[in-house]
Amino acid sequence: MSIETIDKGLIDYQESHQEMLDLIKSTLRKSQIWHLEHFPVYTIGISEKFIKEDDNQTIPIIKTDRGGKITYHGPGQLVFYFMLDLKKMPFRPTDLTKTILNKTSQVFGSIDLDHDLNFTDPGIYIKEQKVASIGMRIKNNFSYHGISINYNTDLEAFNSINPCGLNIKACNLLEYININKEYLHNRLLQEYRELDK
């Protein structure tokens, strides 16, 4: 049976984060994948030690409990959160990030998008520019947080940061391939729903 998927639409980051925490604390929790977009926000993972805040900064900065460093979320990104009961998954918890990136890469390959996988600085890159960022957290054998894919988001927002702590540029997938957003979204969701197989 495929994993349940829930469309959260355009949602405030803090609201979705609280809903994730509520789910993993629930005794009735079950594996779910949420797909959504966020209002503009910078999120800081537990690996980020320092963050310089600009007085002119209009985009909120939120500290989170996910892995990774700083990244941007905003409209035009495809975001997928994986609340998975890892005891019921066919892979080890330590392979979670790699498994999600591999699934994403399979979809990119199926649409003939030339890209590179990086497991050291986890993400997917196109010509050394980051197009997909991932940050996960596991608590009591249950995962949360997920992956964001730049489709046609505001790249200017990345200029104020080093995405995921790296001195690299971000890019939009639409710069390199002409593909319908809904089609890509559905292909990714179809692949992710098979994570329990």
N, C-alpha and C. Protein backbone atom coordinates (compact mmCIF):
# COMPACT_ATOMS: atom_id res chain seq x y z
N MET A 1 0.84 -1.19 0.00
CA MET A 1 0.00 0.00 0.00
C MET A 1 0.87 1.24 0.00
N SER A 2 0.57 2.20 -0.88
CA SER A 2 1.37 3.41 -0.99
C SER A 2 1.20 4.30 0.23
N ILE A 3 2.19 5.13 0.46
CA ILE A 3 2.17 6.07 1.58
C ILE A 3 1.13 7.15 1.31
N GLU A 4 0.39 7.53 2.35
CA GLU A 4 -0.62 8.58 2.22
C GLU A 4 0.06 9.91 1.88
N THR A 5 -0.55 10.68 0.98
CA THR A 5 -0.03 11.99 0.62
C THR A 5 -1.07 13.06 0.94
N ILE A 6 -0.59 14.20 1.42
CA ILE A 6 -1.49 15.29 1.82
C ILE A 6 -1.01 16.59 1.20
N ASP A 7 -1.92 17.27 0.51
CA ASP A 7 -1.62 18.56 -0.11
C ASP A 7 -1.89 19.67 0.90
N LYS A 8 -0.82 20.35 1.33
CA LYS A 8 -0.94 21.43 2.31
C LYS A 8 -1.04 22.81 1.65
N GLY A 9 -0.89 22.85 0.32
CA GLY A 9 -1.00 24.13 -0.38
C GLY A 9 0.11 25.09 -0.01
N LEU A 10 -0.20 26.40 -0.06
CA LEU A 10 0.75 27.44 0.33
C LEU A 10 0.57 27.70 1.82
N ILE A 11 1.59 27.39 2.61
CA ILE A 11 1.44 27.38 4.07
C ILE A 11 2.63 28.05 4.75
N ASP A 12 2.36 28.71 5.86
CA ASP A 12 3.40 29.32 6.68
C ASP A 12 4.34 28.23 7.22
N TYR A 13 5.65 28.50 7.21
CA TYR A 13 6.60 27.49 7.64
C TYR A 13 6.38 27.05 9.08
N GLN A 14 6.19 28.01 9.97
CA GLN A 14 6.04 27.66 11.38
C GLN A 14 4.78 26.83 11.63
N GLU A 15 3.74 27.11 10.87
CA GLU A 15 2.51 26.33 11.01
C GLU A 15 2.75 24.88 10.60
N SER A 16 3.42 24.68 9.47
CA SER A 16 3.67 23.31 9.01
C SER A 16 4.63 22.59 9.96
N HIS A 17 5.60 23.31 10.50
CA HIS A 17 6.55 22.69 11.42
C HIS A 17 5.84 22.22 12.69
N GLN A 18 4.94 23.04 13.20
CA GLN A 18 4.19 22.64 14.39
C GLN A 18 3.31 21.42 14.11
N GLU A 19 2.72 21.39 12.92
CA GLU A 19 1.89 20.24 12.54
C GLU A 19 2.73 18.97 12.44
N MET A 20 3.98 19.11 11.95
CA MET A 20 4.87 17.95 11.91
C MET A 20 5.16 17.44 13.31
N LEU A 21 5.47 18.36 14.21
CA LEU A 21 5.78 17.97 15.59
C LEU A 21 4.57 17.31 16.25
N ASP A 22 3.39 17.85 15.99
CA ASP A 22 2.17 17.25 16.55
C ASP A 22 1.97 15.83 16.04
N LEU A 23 2.27 15.62 14.75
CA LEU A 23 2.08 14.29 14.16
C LEU A 23 3.04 13.28 14.78
N ILE A 24 4.30 13.64 14.91
CA ILE A 24 5.25 12.64 15.42
C ILE A 24 5.05 12.35 16.90
N LYS A 25 4.37 13.25 17.61
CA LYS A 25 4.06 13.00 19.02
C LYS A 25 2.79 12.17 19.19
N SER A 26 2.00 12.07 18.13
CA SER A 26 0.71 11.39 18.21
C SER A 26 0.88 9.88 18.34
N THR A 27 0.03 9.27 19.12
CA THR A 27 0.05 7.80 19.24
C THR A 27 -0.59 7.16 18.00
N LEU A 28 -1.29 7.95 17.20
CA LEU A 28 -1.95 7.44 16.00
C LEU A 28 -1.17 7.76 14.74
N ARG A 29 0.08 8.14 14.90
CA ARG A 29 0.87 8.58 13.75
C ARG A 29 1.01 7.46 12.72
N LYS A 30 1.03 7.87 11.47
CA LYS A 30 1.27 6.93 10.38
C LYS A 30 2.05 7.66 9.30
N SER A 31 2.67 6.91 8.43
CA SER A 31 3.53 7.49 7.41
C SER A 31 2.72 8.38 6.46
N GLN A 32 3.25 9.57 6.23
CA GLN A 32 2.61 10.53 5.34
C GLN A 32 3.69 11.30 4.58
N ILE A 33 3.33 11.76 3.39
CA ILE A 33 4.16 12.71 2.66
C ILE A 33 3.31 13.95 2.42
N TRP A 34 3.81 15.08 2.86
CA TRP A 34 3.11 16.34 2.61
C TRP A 34 3.77 17.03 1.43
N HIS A 35 2.96 17.59 0.54
CA HIS A 35 3.50 18.40 -0.54
C HIS A 35 2.91 19.79 -0.44
N LEU A 36 3.75 20.80 -0.63
CA LEU A 36 3.35 22.17 -0.30
C LEU A 36 4.32 23.19 -0.87
N GLU A 37 3.99 24.46 -0.67
CA GLU A 37 4.90 25.57 -0.90
C GLU A 37 4.84 26.46 0.34
N HIS A 38 5.91 27.22 0.57
CA HIS A 38 5.95 28.11 1.73
C HIS A 38 5.94 29.57 1.30
N PHE A 39 5.42 30.41 2.19
CA PHE A 39 5.65 31.85 2.06
C PHE A 39 7.14 32.08 2.28
N PRO A 40 7.72 33.17 1.74
CA PRO A 40 9.17 33.37 1.85
C PRO A 40 9.68 33.29 3.29
N VAL A 41 10.75 32.49 3.47
CA VAL A 41 11.33 32.29 4.80
C VAL A 41 12.73 31.70 4.65
N TYR A 42 13.63 32.10 5.54
CA TYR A 42 14.91 31.42 5.67
C TYR A 42 14.81 30.47 6.86
N THR A 43 15.27 29.25 6.69
CA THR A 43 15.29 28.31 7.81
C THR A 43 16.73 27.88 8.08
N ILE A 44 17.04 27.74 9.35
CA ILE A 44 18.40 27.42 9.76
C ILE A 44 18.40 26.05 10.44
N GLY A 45 19.21 25.14 9.91
CA GLY A 45 19.32 23.81 10.49
C GLY A 45 20.29 23.77 11.66
N ILE A 46 20.37 22.62 12.31
CA ILE A 46 21.18 22.49 13.52
C ILE A 46 22.68 22.54 13.24
N SER A 47 23.10 22.40 11.97
CA SER A 47 24.52 22.46 11.63
C SER A 47 25.03 23.89 11.49
N GLU A 48 24.12 24.85 11.40
CA GLU A 48 24.51 26.25 11.23
C GLU A 48 24.89 26.84 12.57
N LYS A 49 26.14 27.31 12.68
CA LYS A 49 26.63 27.85 13.95
C LYS A 49 26.44 29.36 14.05
N PHE A 50 26.59 30.03 12.92
CA PHE A 50 26.52 31.49 12.94
C PHE A 50 25.61 31.97 11.83
N ILE A 51 24.86 33.02 12.12
CA ILE A 51 24.01 33.64 11.10
C ILE A 51 24.05 35.14 11.30
N LYS A 52 24.39 35.85 10.24
CA LYS A 52 24.45 37.31 10.31
C LYS A 52 23.11 37.86 9.86
N GLU A 53 22.45 38.56 10.76
CA GLU A 53 21.14 39.12 10.44
C GLU A 53 21.31 40.57 9.99
N ASP A 54 20.63 40.92 8.91
CA ASP A 54 20.67 42.25 8.32
C ASP A 54 19.46 43.03 8.81
N ASP A 55 19.69 44.26 9.26
CA ASP A 55 18.58 45.09 9.74
C ASP A 55 17.56 45.37 8.65
N ASN A 56 18.01 45.29 7.39
CA ASN A 56 17.10 45.54 6.26
C ASN A 56 16.42 44.26 5.78
N GLN A 57 16.68 43.16 6.47
CA GLN A 57 16.13 41.87 6.07
C GLN A 57 14.61 41.84 6.26
N THR A 58 13.89 41.56 5.18
CA THR A 58 12.43 41.52 5.26
C THR A 58 11.89 40.10 5.32
N ILE A 59 12.71 39.13 4.93
CA ILE A 59 12.29 37.73 4.97
C ILE A 59 12.60 37.17 6.36
N PRO A 60 11.62 36.56 7.03
CA PRO A 60 11.87 36.03 8.38
C PRO A 60 12.91 34.92 8.39
N ILE A 61 13.64 34.82 9.50
CA ILE A 61 14.65 33.79 9.70
C ILE A 61 14.21 32.93 10.88
N ILE A 62 14.10 31.62 10.64
CA ILE A 62 13.57 30.72 11.67
C ILE A 62 14.56 29.58 11.92
N LYS A 63 14.89 29.38 13.19
CA LYS A 63 15.75 28.25 13.57
C LYS A 63 14.89 27.00 13.66
N THR A 64 15.41 25.90 13.11
CA THR A 64 14.66 24.66 13.09
C THR A 64 15.48 23.53 13.71
N ASP A 65 14.87 22.36 13.80
CA ASP A 65 15.56 21.19 14.34
C ASP A 65 15.95 20.19 13.27
N ARG A 66 15.92 20.62 12.00
CA ARG A 66 16.31 19.70 10.93
C ARG A 66 17.83 19.67 10.78
N GLY A 67 18.31 18.71 10.01
CA GLY A 67 19.72 18.68 9.67
C GLY A 67 20.03 19.75 8.63
N GLY A 68 21.31 20.01 8.43
CA GLY A 68 21.71 20.97 7.43
C GLY A 68 21.95 22.36 7.99
N LYS A 69 22.13 23.32 7.08
CA LYS A 69 22.46 24.68 7.48
C LYS A 69 21.32 25.62 7.10
N ILE A 70 21.64 26.74 6.45
CA ILE A 70 20.60 27.71 6.12
C ILE A 70 20.12 27.51 4.69
N THR A 71 18.83 27.69 4.47
CA THR A 71 18.29 27.66 3.12
C THR A 71 17.08 28.58 3.05
N TYR A 72 16.62 28.80 1.83
CA TYR A 72 15.46 29.65 1.58
C TYR A 72 14.30 28.79 1.09
N HIS A 73 13.11 29.13 1.54
CA HIS A 73 11.89 28.54 1.00
C HIS A 73 10.98 29.67 0.53
N GLY A 74 10.27 29.43 -0.56
CA GLY A 74 9.33 30.43 -1.05
C GLY A 74 8.49 29.88 -2.18
N PRO A 75 7.50 30.64 -2.61
CA PRO A 75 6.66 30.22 -3.74
C PRO A 75 7.53 29.89 -4.96
N GLY A 76 7.11 28.89 -5.71
CA GLY A 76 7.90 28.46 -6.86
C GLY A 76 8.83 27.31 -6.55
N GLN A 77 8.82 26.86 -5.29
CA GLN A 77 9.55 25.65 -4.91
C GLN A 77 8.56 24.51 -4.73
N LEU A 78 9.00 23.32 -5.06
CA LEU A 78 8.24 22.11 -4.75
C LEU A 78 8.84 21.55 -3.46
N VAL A 79 8.04 21.52 -2.40
CA VAL A 79 8.52 21.06 -1.10
C VAL A 79 7.77 19.79 -0.73
N PHE A 80 8.53 18.79 -0.28
CA PHE A 80 7.95 17.52 0.15
C PHE A 80 8.50 17.19 1.53
N TYR A 81 7.60 16.96 2.47
CA TYR A 81 7.99 16.56 3.83
C TYR A 81 7.64 15.09 4.04
N PHE A 82 8.60 14.36 4.61
CA PHE A 82 8.47 12.91 4.75
C PHE A 82 8.33 12.53 6.22
N MET A 83 7.10 12.29 6.65
CA MET A 83 6.84 11.77 7.99
C MET A 83 6.69 10.26 7.85
N LEU A 84 7.77 9.55 8.07
CA LEU A 84 7.81 8.12 7.78
C LEU A 84 8.11 7.31 9.03
N ASP A 85 7.35 6.23 9.21
CA ASP A 85 7.64 5.25 10.25
C ASP A 85 8.78 4.38 9.73
N LEU A 86 9.99 4.68 10.15
CA LEU A 86 11.16 4.05 9.57
C LEU A 86 11.27 2.57 9.91
N LYS A 87 10.55 2.12 10.91
CA LYS A 87 10.55 0.68 11.21
C LYS A 87 9.84 -0.11 10.11
N LYS A 88 9.01 0.59 9.33
CA LYS A 88 8.25 -0.08 8.27
C LYS A 88 8.82 0.18 6.88
N MET A 89 9.97 0.84 6.82
CA MET A 89 10.58 1.14 5.54
C MET A 89 11.63 0.08 5.19
N PRO A 90 11.86 -0.16 3.90
CA PRO A 90 12.80 -1.22 3.50
C PRO A 90 14.26 -0.78 3.52
N PHE A 91 14.55 0.41 4.01
CA PHE A 91 15.93 0.90 4.07
C PHE A 91 16.26 1.28 5.52
N ARG A 92 17.55 1.36 5.81
CA ARG A 92 17.98 1.74 7.15
C ARG A 92 17.74 3.23 7.37
N PRO A 93 17.46 3.64 8.60
CA PRO A 93 17.28 5.07 8.88
C PRO A 93 18.46 5.91 8.40
N THR A 94 19.67 5.37 8.49
CA THR A 94 20.85 6.12 8.05
C THR A 94 20.88 6.34 6.54
N ASP A 95 20.07 5.60 5.81
CA ASP A 95 20.01 5.74 4.35
C ASP A 95 18.84 6.60 3.88
N LEU A 96 18.13 7.23 4.80
CA LEU A 96 16.94 7.99 4.45
C LEU A 96 17.23 9.10 3.45
N THR A 97 18.20 9.96 3.76
CA THR A 97 18.52 11.09 2.88
C THR A 97 18.96 10.60 1.51
N LYS A 98 19.83 9.60 1.50
CA LYS A 98 20.32 9.05 0.23
C LYS A 98 19.17 8.46 -0.59
N THR A 99 18.24 7.78 0.07
CA THR A 99 17.11 7.15 -0.63
C THR A 99 16.21 8.21 -1.27
N ILE A 100 15.91 9.28 -0.55
CA ILE A 100 15.07 10.34 -1.10
C ILE A 100 15.77 11.03 -2.27
N LEU A 101 17.06 11.30 -2.13
CA LEU A 101 17.80 11.92 -3.23
C LEU A 101 17.84 11.01 -4.45
N ASN A 102 18.01 9.70 -4.24
CA ASN A 102 18.01 8.77 -5.37
C ASN A 102 16.67 8.74 -6.08
N LYS A 103 15.58 8.77 -5.32
CA LYS A 103 14.24 8.80 -5.93
C LYS A 103 14.07 10.07 -6.76
N THR A 104 14.53 11.20 -6.23
CA THR A 104 14.43 12.47 -6.94
C THR A 104 15.26 12.42 -8.22
N SER A 105 16.45 11.87 -8.11
CA SER A 105 17.34 11.74 -9.26
C SER A 105 16.73 10.86 -10.35
N GLN A 106 16.04 9.81 -9.95
CA GLN A 106 15.38 8.93 -10.93
C GLN A 106 14.34 9.70 -11.74
N VAL A 107 13.59 10.56 -11.07
CA VAL A 107 12.60 11.37 -11.79
C VAL A 107 13.30 12.34 -12.72
N PHE A 108 14.34 13.00 -12.24
CA PHE A 108 15.08 13.94 -13.09
C PHE A 108 15.65 13.22 -14.31
N GLY A 109 16.16 12.03 -14.10
CA GLY A 109 16.68 11.25 -15.22
C GLY A 109 15.60 10.88 -16.22
N SER A 110 14.40 10.59 -15.72
CA SER A 110 13.30 10.18 -16.60
C SER A 110 12.81 11.32 -17.48
N ILE A 111 13.09 12.57 -17.08
CA ILE A 111 12.69 13.72 -17.91
C ILE A 111 13.89 14.30 -18.65
N ASP A 112 14.99 13.52 -18.67
CA ASP A 112 16.21 13.90 -19.39
C ASP A 112 16.82 15.21 -18.89
N LEU A 113 16.80 15.39 -17.58
CA LEU A 113 17.44 16.56 -16.98
C LEU A 113 18.84 16.16 -16.52
N ASP A 114 19.84 16.78 -17.11
CA ASP A 114 21.23 16.49 -16.74
C ASP A 114 21.52 17.09 -15.36
N HIS A 115 21.97 16.27 -14.42
CA HIS A 115 22.15 16.73 -13.05
C HIS A 115 23.19 15.87 -12.34
N ASP A 116 23.61 16.33 -11.18
CA ASP A 116 24.58 15.60 -10.37
C ASP A 116 24.04 15.42 -8.96
N LEU A 117 24.22 14.23 -8.42
CA LEU A 117 23.87 13.92 -7.03
C LEU A 117 25.09 14.15 -6.16
N ASN A 118 24.87 14.71 -4.98
CA ASN A 118 25.97 14.89 -4.05
C ASN A 118 25.50 14.42 -2.68
N PHE A 119 26.17 13.41 -2.14
CA PHE A 119 25.80 12.89 -0.83
C PHE A 119 26.67 13.48 0.28
N THR A 120 27.78 14.12 -0.10
CA THR A 120 28.66 14.76 0.90
C THR A 120 28.05 16.07 1.37
N ASP A 121 27.67 16.91 0.42
CA ASP A 121 26.91 18.13 0.70
C ASP A 121 25.53 17.88 0.11
N PRO A 122 24.67 17.17 0.84
CA PRO A 122 23.48 16.55 0.25
C PRO A 122 22.61 17.49 -0.57
N GLY A 123 22.34 17.05 -1.79
CA GLY A 123 21.48 17.81 -2.68
C GLY A 123 21.66 17.36 -4.11
N ILE A 124 20.97 18.07 -5.00
CA ILE A 124 21.09 17.81 -6.43
C ILE A 124 21.51 19.11 -7.10
N TYR A 125 22.44 18.98 -8.03
CA TYR A 125 23.06 20.15 -8.66
C TYR A 125 22.93 20.06 -10.18
N ILE A 126 22.82 21.23 -10.80
CA ILE A 126 22.86 21.35 -12.25
C ILE A 126 23.99 22.32 -12.58
N LYS A 127 25.00 21.84 -13.26
CA LYS A 127 26.16 22.66 -13.60
C LYS A 127 26.71 23.37 -12.36
N GLU A 128 26.85 22.60 -11.29
CA GLU A 128 27.41 23.06 -10.01
C GLU A 128 26.56 24.11 -9.31
N GLN A 129 25.32 24.24 -9.72
CA GLN A 129 24.37 25.11 -9.05
C GLN A 129 23.31 24.24 -8.37
N LYS A 130 22.94 24.60 -7.15
CA LYS A 130 22.05 23.74 -6.38
C LYS A 130 20.60 23.95 -6.78
N VAL A 131 19.93 22.86 -7.15
CA VAL A 131 18.52 22.92 -7.54
C VAL A 131 17.62 22.24 -6.52
N ALA A 132 18.18 21.36 -5.70
CA ALA A 132 17.38 20.65 -4.68
C ALA A 132 18.18 20.54 -3.39
N SER A 133 17.54 20.92 -2.29
CA SER A 133 18.16 20.87 -0.96
C SER A 133 17.38 19.91 -0.07
N ILE A 134 18.09 19.23 0.81
CA ILE A 134 17.42 18.28 1.70
C ILE A 134 17.94 18.42 3.13
N GLY A 135 17.04 18.29 4.07
CA GLY A 135 17.40 18.31 5.49
C GLY A 135 16.37 17.48 6.24
N MET A 136 16.81 16.47 6.96
CA MET A 136 15.90 15.55 7.64
C MET A 136 16.20 15.52 9.14
N ARG A 137 15.24 14.99 9.87
CA ARG A 137 15.41 14.74 11.31
C ARG A 137 14.70 13.42 11.61
N ILE A 138 15.28 12.64 12.49
CA ILE A 138 14.66 11.38 12.93
C ILE A 138 14.50 11.42 14.44
N LYS A 139 13.30 11.09 14.88
CA LYS A 139 13.01 11.06 16.31
C LYS A 139 12.16 9.83 16.60
N ASN A 140 12.65 8.97 17.47
CA ASN A 140 11.92 7.74 17.83
C ASN A 140 11.53 6.92 16.60
N ASN A 141 12.49 6.77 15.68
CA ASN A 141 12.28 5.99 14.45
C ASN A 141 11.23 6.59 13.52
N PHE A 142 10.98 7.88 13.64
CA PHE A 142 10.02 8.56 12.77
C PHE A 142 10.71 9.78 12.18
N SER A 143 10.63 9.92 10.86
CA SER A 143 11.31 11.03 10.20
C SER A 143 10.37 12.22 10.01
N TYR A 144 10.99 13.38 9.87
CA TYR A 144 10.24 14.56 9.46
C TYR A 144 11.20 15.55 8.79
N HIS A 145 10.65 16.63 8.24
CA HIS A 145 11.32 17.57 7.33
C HIS A 145 11.45 16.90 5.96
N GLY A 146 12.26 17.47 5.05
CA GLY A 146 12.26 16.89 3.72
C GLY A 146 13.13 17.60 2.70
N ILE A 147 12.61 17.68 1.46
CA ILE A 147 13.37 18.18 0.32
C ILE A 147 12.62 19.33 -0.34
N SER A 148 13.39 20.31 -0.82
CA SER A 148 12.81 21.41 -1.59
C SER A 148 13.51 21.48 -2.94
N ILE A 149 12.72 21.67 -3.98
CA ILE A 149 13.23 21.69 -5.34
C ILE A 149 12.86 23.03 -5.96
N ASN A 150 13.88 23.75 -6.44
CA ASN A 150 13.64 25.06 -7.06
C ASN A 150 13.08 24.86 -8.46
N TYR A 151 11.83 25.22 -8.64
CA TYR A 151 11.21 25.15 -9.96
C TYR A 151 11.33 26.51 -10.64
N ASN A 152 10.67 27.51 -10.09
CA ASN A 152 10.82 28.88 -10.59
C ASN A 152 10.70 29.87 -9.43
N THR A 153 11.47 29.62 -8.40
CA THR A 153 11.42 30.46 -7.20
C THR A 153 12.29 31.70 -7.35
N ASP A 154 12.20 32.62 -6.41
CA ASP A 154 12.96 33.87 -6.44
C ASP A 154 14.41 33.61 -6.05
N LEU A 155 15.29 33.55 -7.05
CA LEU A 155 16.69 33.25 -6.78
C LEU A 155 17.41 34.40 -6.08
N GLU A 156 16.87 35.61 -6.19
CA GLU A 156 17.47 36.75 -5.49
C GLU A 156 17.54 36.50 -3.99
N ALA A 157 16.58 35.76 -3.48
CA ALA A 157 16.54 35.48 -2.04
C ALA A 157 17.74 34.66 -1.58
N PHE A 158 18.36 33.92 -2.51
CA PHE A 158 19.52 33.11 -2.16
C PHE A 158 20.80 33.94 -2.09
N ASN A 159 20.76 35.15 -2.65
CA ASN A 159 21.98 35.97 -2.70
C ASN A 159 22.45 36.41 -1.32
N SER A 160 21.54 36.42 -0.35
CA SER A 160 21.89 36.85 1.00
C SER A 160 22.50 35.73 1.84
N ILE A 161 22.52 34.52 1.30
CA ILE A 161 22.99 33.37 2.06
C ILE A 161 23.89 32.50 1.21
N ASN A 162 24.59 31.58 1.86
CA ASN A 162 25.24 30.47 1.17
C ASN A 162 24.33 29.27 1.33
N PRO A 163 23.62 28.85 0.28
CA PRO A 163 22.67 27.75 0.43
C PRO A 163 23.33 26.53 1.08
N CYS A 164 22.75 26.11 2.19
CA CYS A 164 23.23 24.94 2.92
C CYS A 164 24.68 25.10 3.37
N GLY A 165 25.12 26.36 3.54
CA GLY A 165 26.45 26.62 4.05
C GLY A 165 27.55 26.51 3.01
N LEU A 166 27.17 26.42 1.76
CA LEU A 166 28.15 26.25 0.69
C LEU A 166 28.27 27.53 -0.12
N ASN A 167 29.47 27.77 -0.63
CA ASN A 167 29.69 28.95 -1.46
C ASN A 167 29.33 28.62 -2.90
N ILE A 168 28.05 28.39 -3.13
CA ILE A 168 27.57 28.03 -4.46
C ILE A 168 26.32 28.84 -4.78
N LYS A 169 25.96 28.81 -6.04
CA LYS A 169 24.74 29.49 -6.46
C LYS A 169 23.59 28.50 -6.52
N ALA A 170 22.40 29.04 -6.38
CA ALA A 170 21.19 28.23 -6.57
C ALA A 170 20.69 28.45 -7.99
N CYS A 171 19.90 27.52 -8.48
CA CYS A 171 19.31 27.66 -9.81
C CYS A 171 17.89 27.12 -9.79
N ASN A 172 17.15 27.49 -10.80
CA ASN A 172 15.80 26.97 -11.01
C ASN A 172 15.83 25.88 -12.06
N LEU A 173 15.09 24.84 -11.82
CA LEU A 173 14.98 23.74 -12.76
C LEU A 173 14.48 24.22 -14.12
N LEU A 174 13.57 25.20 -14.10
CA LEU A 174 12.95 25.69 -15.33
C LEU A 174 13.96 26.38 -16.25
N GLU A 175 15.12 26.76 -15.71
CA GLU A 175 16.17 27.36 -16.54
C GLU A 175 16.76 26.33 -17.51
N TYR A 176 16.63 25.06 -17.17
CA TYR A 176 17.33 24.02 -17.91
C TYR A 176 16.42 23.04 -18.64
N ILE A 177 15.15 23.05 -18.28
CA ILE A 177 14.21 22.16 -18.97
C ILE A 177 12.82 22.76 -18.92
N ASN A 178 12.14 22.69 -20.04
CA ASN A 178 10.77 23.22 -20.12
C ASN A 178 9.80 22.10 -19.75
N ILE A 179 9.36 22.14 -18.51
CA ILE A 179 8.47 21.08 -18.02
C ILE A 179 7.36 21.69 -17.18
N ASN A 180 6.17 21.16 -17.35
CA ASN A 180 5.01 21.63 -16.61
C ASN A 180 5.19 21.34 -15.11
N LYS A 181 4.91 22.34 -14.30
CA LYS A 181 5.11 22.21 -12.85
C LYS A 181 4.24 21.11 -12.25
N GLU A 182 2.98 21.06 -12.65
CA GLU A 182 2.08 20.04 -12.09
C GLU A 182 2.51 18.64 -12.50
N TYR A 183 2.97 18.50 -13.75
CA TYR A 183 3.44 17.19 -14.21
C TYR A 183 4.65 16.74 -13.38
N LEU A 184 5.61 17.64 -13.19
CA LEU A 184 6.80 17.30 -12.42
C LEU A 184 6.42 16.96 -10.98
N HIS A 185 5.56 17.77 -10.40
CA HIS A 185 5.09 17.53 -9.03
C HIS A 185 4.49 16.13 -8.90
N ASN A 186 3.63 15.77 -9.83
CA ASN A 186 2.96 14.46 -9.78
C ASN A 186 3.94 13.31 -9.99
N ARG A 187 4.94 13.51 -10.86
CA ARG A 187 5.94 12.46 -11.08
C ARG A 187 6.76 12.22 -9.81
N LEU A 188 7.14 13.31 -9.16
CA LEU A 188 7.90 13.18 -7.92
C LEU A 188 7.07 12.49 -6.84
N LEU A 189 5.84 12.92 -6.72
CA LEU A 189 4.96 12.34 -5.70
C LEU A 189 4.74 10.85 -5.95
N GLN A 190 4.59 10.49 -7.21
CA GLN A 190 4.42 9.08 -7.58
C GLN A 190 5.64 8.26 -7.14
N GLU A 191 6.82 8.82 -7.35
CA GLU A 191 8.05 8.11 -6.98
C GLU A 191 8.20 8.03 -5.46
N TYR A 192 7.92 9.12 -4.78
CA TYR A 192 8.08 9.15 -3.31
C TYR A 192 7.10 8.20 -2.61
N ARG A 193 5.93 8.04 -3.19
CA ARG A 193 4.93 7.15 -2.57
C ARG A 193 5.39 5.70 -2.55
N GLU A 194 6.42 5.40 -3.32
CA GLU A 194 6.94 4.03 -3.37
C GLU A 194 8.10 3.81 -2.39
N LEU A 195 8.34 4.76 -1.51
CA LEU A 195 9.45 4.63 -0.57
C LEU A 195 9.32 3.41 0.35
N ASP A 196 8.10 2.96 0.56
CA ASP A 196 7.90 1.81 1.46
C ASP A 196 7.97 0.48 0.74
N LYS A 197 8.28 0.51 -0.55
CA LYS A 197 8.34 -0.74 -1.33
C LYS A 197 9.74 -1.35 -1.28
